Amino acid sequence: MPEAESFVQVLDNAVGWTELRIAIETFLLYVKSQEGVTWKSALTQMDQVKAIYDVVVARTPAVAVQFPALARLLDVTNAIGQKSAASRKKAKATKAASTATAATASVGSPAAPAVNAVAVTPVAGQGGGAGH
């Protein structure tokens, strides 16, 4: 039997670590939320800048050569948009396929008859179980 003082200290430490983990997980949710909000704002502004950039480059093509990093940065929004559209399309197709499969399964063949299973309990010392 552990000493009472030692036992209480170990429990206090365990509770403290659990409370810290919960606080960190809560903060992580907040950080993820703020990250999403700020990236959405940044990408919206990048789209606005890209519209202006496209007009400028159409009138003065040398700008694209003069600022290649800006062109790459503004193309990122196109790549992100294409990935998002592909993800939405894939999710929609997956949902449609699972809905169709579920509908076919419920309408298709009749349910299999119930089988009475016999429970078998291993007897200690007779082998055949896991780890023997």
C-alpha atoms as a PDB file:
ATOM      1  CA  MET A   1       0.000   0.000   0.000  1.00  0.00           C
ATOM      2  CA  PRO A   2       1.474   3.372  -0.960  1.00  0.00           C
ATOM      3  CA  GLU A   3       1.828   6.070   1.639  1.00  0.00           C
ATOM      4  CA  ALA A   4      -1.167   8.422   1.678  1.00  0.00           C
ATOM      5  CA  GLU A   5       0.922  11.537   1.022  1.00  0.00           C
ATOM      6  CA  SER A   6       2.697   9.931  -1.942  1.00  0.00           C
ATOM      7  CA  PHE A   7      -0.581   8.600  -3.336  1.00  0.00           C
ATOM      8  CA  VAL A   8      -2.251  12.044  -3.145  1.00  0.00           C
ATOM      9  CA  GLN A   9       0.762  13.660  -4.820  1.00  0.00           C
ATOM     10  CA  VAL A  10       0.679  11.157  -7.709  1.00  0.00           C
ATOM     11  CA  LEU A  11      -3.058  11.708  -8.194  1.00  0.00           C
ATOM     12  CA  ASP A  12      -2.604  15.510  -8.087  1.00  0.00           C
ATOM     13  CA  ASN A  13       0.122  15.259 -10.735  1.00  0.00           C
ATOM     14  CA  ALA A  14      -2.044  13.052 -12.948  1.00  0.00           C
ATOM     15  CA  VAL A  15      -5.005  15.433 -12.654  1.00  0.00           C
ATOM     16  CA  GLY A  16      -2.731  18.402 -13.389  1.00  0.00           C
ATOM     17  CA  TRP A  17      -1.458  16.795 -16.599  1.00  0.00           C
ATOM     18  CA  THR A  18      -4.992  15.930 -17.676  1.00  0.00           C
ATOM     19  CA  GLU A  19      -6.149  19.506 -17.063  1.00  0.00           C
ATOM     20  CA  LEU A  20      -3.176  20.820 -19.046  1.00  0.00           C
ATOM     21  CA  ARG A  21      -3.916  18.459 -21.959  1.00  0.00           C
ATOM     22  CA  ILE A  22      -7.559  19.560 -22.029  1.00  0.00           C
ATOM     23  CA  ALA A  23      -6.528  23.239 -21.978  1.00  0.00           C
ATOM     24  CA  ILE A  24      -4.056  22.657 -24.826  1.00  0.00           C
ATOM     25  CA  GLU A  25      -6.655  20.795 -26.904  1.00  0.00           C
ATOM     26  CA  THR A  26      -9.136  23.630 -26.363  1.00  0.00           C
ATOM     27  CA  PHE A  27      -6.524  26.190 -27.365  1.00  0.00           C
ATOM     28  CA  LEU A  28      -5.651  24.113 -30.448  1.00  0.00           C
ATOM     29  CA  LEU A  29      -9.298  24.255 -31.556  1.00  0.00           C
ATOM     30  CA  TYR A  30      -9.189  28.031 -31.160  1.00  0.00           C
ATOM     31  CA  VAL A  31      -5.918  28.282 -33.112  1.00  0.00           C
ATOM     32  CA  LYS A  32      -7.288  26.118 -35.949  1.00  0.00           C
ATOM     33  CA  SER A  33     -10.401  28.274 -36.119  1.00  0.00           C
ATOM     34  CA  GLN A  34      -8.376  31.496 -36.264  1.00  0.00           C
ATOM     35  CA  GLU A  35      -6.059  29.982 -38.867  1.00  0.00           C
ATOM     36  CA  GLY A  36      -9.016  29.148 -41.104  1.00  0.00           C
ATOM     37  CA  VAL A  37     -10.553  32.600 -40.731  1.00  0.00           C
ATOM     38  CA  THR A  38      -7.301  34.421 -41.503  1.00  0.00           C
ATOM     39  CA  TRP A  39      -6.437  32.228 -44.494  1.00  0.00           C
ATOM     40  CA  LYS A  40      -9.894  32.758 -45.928  1.00  0.00           C
ATOM     41  CA  SER A  41      -9.404  36.510 -45.597  1.00  0.00           C
ATOM     42  CA  ALA A  42      -5.890  36.345 -47.068  1.00  0.00           C
ATOM     43  CA  LEU A  43      -7.021  34.245 -50.037  1.00  0.00           C
ATOM     44  CA  THR A  44      -9.936  36.613 -50.696  1.00  0.00           C
ATOM     45  CA  GLN A  45      -7.543  39.550 -50.780  1.00  0.00           C
ATOM     46  CA  MET A  46      -5.131  37.596 -52.989  1.00  0.00           C
ATOM     47  CA  ASP A  47      -7.979  37.039 -55.449  1.00  0.00           C
ATOM     48  CA  GLN A  48      -8.597  40.789 -55.510  1.00  0.00           C
ATOM     49  CA  VAL A  49      -4.917  41.512 -56.099  1.00  0.00           C
ATOM     50  CA  LYS A  50      -4.787  38.836 -58.809  1.00  0.00           C
ATOM     51  CA  ALA A  51      -7.631  40.505 -60.702  1.00  0.00           C
ATOM     52  CA  ILE A  52      -5.699  43.777 -60.736  1.00  0.00           C
ATOM     53  CA  TYR A  53      -2.439  41.967 -61.558  1.00  0.00           C
ATOM     54  CA  ASP A  54      -4.071  40.203 -64.531  1.00  0.00           C
ATOM     55  CA  VAL A  55      -5.237  43.547 -65.944  1.00  0.00           C
ATOM     56  CA  VAL A  56      -1.785  45.092 -65.476  1.00  0.00           C
ATOM     57  CA  VAL A  57      -0.024  42.093 -67.093  1.00  0.00           C
ATOM     58  CA  ALA A  58      -2.474  42.139 -70.003  1.00  0.00           C
ATOM     59  CA  ARG A  59      -1.501  45.764 -70.690  1.00  0.00           C
ATOM     60  CA  THR A  60       2.180  45.464 -69.730  1.00  0.00           C
ATOM     61  CA  PRO A  61       3.486  41.872 -70.125  1.00  0.00           C
ATOM     62  CA  ALA A  62       6.929  42.876 -68.816  1.00  0.00           C
ATOM     63  CA  VAL A  63       5.439  43.080 -65.291  1.00  0.00           C
ATOM     64  CA  ALA A  64       5.124  39.267 -65.202  1.00  0.00           C
ATOM     65  CA  VAL A  65       8.817  38.915 -66.054  1.00  0.00           C
ATOM     66  CA  GLN A  66       9.806  41.666 -63.650  1.00  0.00           C
ATOM     67  CA  PHE A  67       7.887  40.097 -60.703  1.00  0.00           C
ATOM     68  CA  PRO A  68       7.914  36.300 -61.186  1.00  0.00           C
ATOM     69  CA  ALA A  69       7.516  35.572 -57.462  1.00  0.00           C
ATOM     70  CA  LEU A  70       4.316  37.629 -57.386  1.00  0.00           C
ATOM     71  CA  ALA A  71       2.953  35.623 -60.311  1.00  0.00           C
ATOM     72  CA  ARG A  72       3.730  32.348 -58.486  1.00  0.00           C
ATOM     73  CA  LEU A  73       2.128  33.638 -55.291  1.00  0.00           C
ATOM     74  CA  LEU A  74      -1.040  34.679 -57.081  1.00  0.00           C
ATOM     75  CA  ASP A  75      -1.209  31.332 -58.908  1.00  0.00           C
ATOM     76  CA  VAL A  76      -1.403  29.627 -55.503  1.00  0.00           C
ATOM     77  CA  THR A  77      -5.028  30.738 -55.166  1.00  0.00           C
ATOM     78  CA  ASN A  78      -5.804  29.002 -58.479  1.00  0.00           C
ATOM     79  CA  ALA A  79      -4.204  25.777 -57.232  1.00  0.00           C
ATOM     80  CA  ILE A  80      -6.053  25.979 -53.915  1.00  0.00           C
ATOM     81  CA  GLY A  81      -9.345  26.608 -55.700  1.00  0.00           C
ATOM     82  CA  GLN A  82      -8.766  23.655 -58.030  1.00  0.00           C
ATOM     83  CA  LYS A  83      -7.910  21.353 -55.103  1.00  0.00           C
ATOM     84  CA  SER A  84     -10.989  22.519 -53.192  1.00  0.00           C
ATOM     85  CA  ALA A  85     -13.230  21.915 -56.199  1.00  0.00           C
ATOM     86  CA  ALA A  86     -11.723  18.453 -56.723  1.00  0.00           C
ATOM     87  CA  SER A  87     -12.221  17.610 -53.032  1.00  0.00           C
ATOM     88  CA  ARG A  88     -15.855  18.745 -53.137  1.00  0.00           C
ATOM     89  CA  LYS A  89     -16.463  16.735 -56.314  1.00  0.00           C
ATOM     90  CA  LYS A  90     -14.861  13.615 -54.804  1.00  0.00           C
ATOM     91  CA  ALA A  91     -16.858  13.948 -51.580  1.00  0.00           C
ATOM     92  CA  LYS A  92     -20.072  14.381 -53.549  1.00  0.00           C
ATOM     93  CA  ALA A  93     -19.302  11.295 -55.673  1.00  0.00           C
ATOM     94  CA  THR A  94     -18.445   9.236 -52.584  1.00  0.00           C
ATOM     95  CA  LYS A  95     -21.671  10.285 -50.872  1.00  0.00           C
ATOM     96  CA  ALA A  96     -23.704   9.464 -53.990  1.00  0.00           C
ATOM     97  CA  ALA A  97     -22.028   6.057 -54.301  1.00  0.00           C
ATOM     98  CA  SER A  98     -22.619   5.180 -50.639  1.00  0.00           C
ATOM     99  CA  THR A  99     -26.249   6.293 -50.900  1.00  0.00           C
ATOM    100  CA  ALA A 100     -26.731   4.162 -54.021  1.00  0.00           C
ATOM    101  CA  THR A 101     -25.068   1.159 -52.358  1.00  0.00           C
ATOM    102  CA  ALA A 102     -27.261   1.513 -49.266  1.00  0.00           C
ATOM    103  CA  ALA A 103     -30.394   1.799 -51.406  1.00  0.00           C
ATOM    104  CA  THR A 104     -29.432  -1.287 -53.440  1.00  0.00           C
ATOM    105  CA  ALA A 105     -28.663  -3.283 -50.309  1.00  0.00           C
ATOM    106  CA  SER A 106     -31.989  -2.458 -48.699  1.00  0.00           C
ATOM    107  CA  VAL A 107     -33.998  -3.201 -51.855  1.00  0.00           C
ATOM    108  CA  GLY A 108     -31.866  -6.009 -53.333  1.00  0.00           C
ATOM    109  CA  SER A 109     -31.765  -9.430 -51.708  1.00  0.00           C
ATOM    110  CA  PRO A 110     -33.838 -10.541 -48.733  1.00  0.00           C
ATOM    111  CA  ALA A 111     -32.144 -10.512 -45.376  1.00  0.00           C
ATOM    112  CA  ALA A 112     -30.189 -13.625 -44.482  1.00  0.00           C
ATOM    113  CA  PRO A 113     -31.857 -15.839 -41.898  1.00  0.00           C
ATOM    114  CA  ALA A 114     -30.606 -15.485 -38.364  1.00  0.00           C
ATOM    115  CA  VAL A 115     -28.034 -18.035 -37.261  1.00  0.00           C
ATOM    116  CA  ASN A 116     -27.931 -19.291 -33.725  1.00  0.00           C
ATOM    117  CA  ALA A 117     -24.306 -19.002 -32.645  1.00  0.00           C
ATOM    118  CA  VAL A 118     -22.908 -21.134 -29.885  1.00  0.00           C
ATOM    119  CA  ALA A 119     -20.583 -19.311 -27.522  1.00  0.00           C
ATOM    120  CA  VAL A 120     -17.386 -21.211 -26.813  1.00  0.00           C
ATOM    121  CA  THR A 121     -15.379 -20.265 -23.753  1.00  0.00           C
ATOM    122  CA  PRO A 122     -11.793 -21.564 -23.624  1.00  0.00           C
ATOM    123  CA  VAL A 123     -10.840 -23.516 -20.568  1.00  0.00           C
ATOM    124  CA  ALA A 124      -7.689 -22.338 -18.856  1.00  0.00           C
ATOM    125  CA  GLY A 125      -4.666 -24.509 -19.524  1.00  0.00           C
ATOM    126  CA  GLN A 126      -6.044 -26.255 -22.631  1.00  0.00           C
ATOM    127  CA  GLY A 127      -4.348 -24.040 -25.249  1.00  0.00           C
ATOM    128  CA  GLY A 128      -5.890 -22.739 -28.423  1.00  0.00           C
ATOM    129  CA  GLY A 129      -6.331 -19.243 -27.073  1.00  0.00           C
ATOM    130  CA  ALA A 130      -4.394 -16.157 -28.029  1.00  0.00           C
ATOM    131  CA  GLY A 131      -0.820 -16.166 -26.829  1.00  0.00           C
ATOM    132  CA  HIS A 132      -0.558 -19.942 -26.391  1.00  0.00           C
END
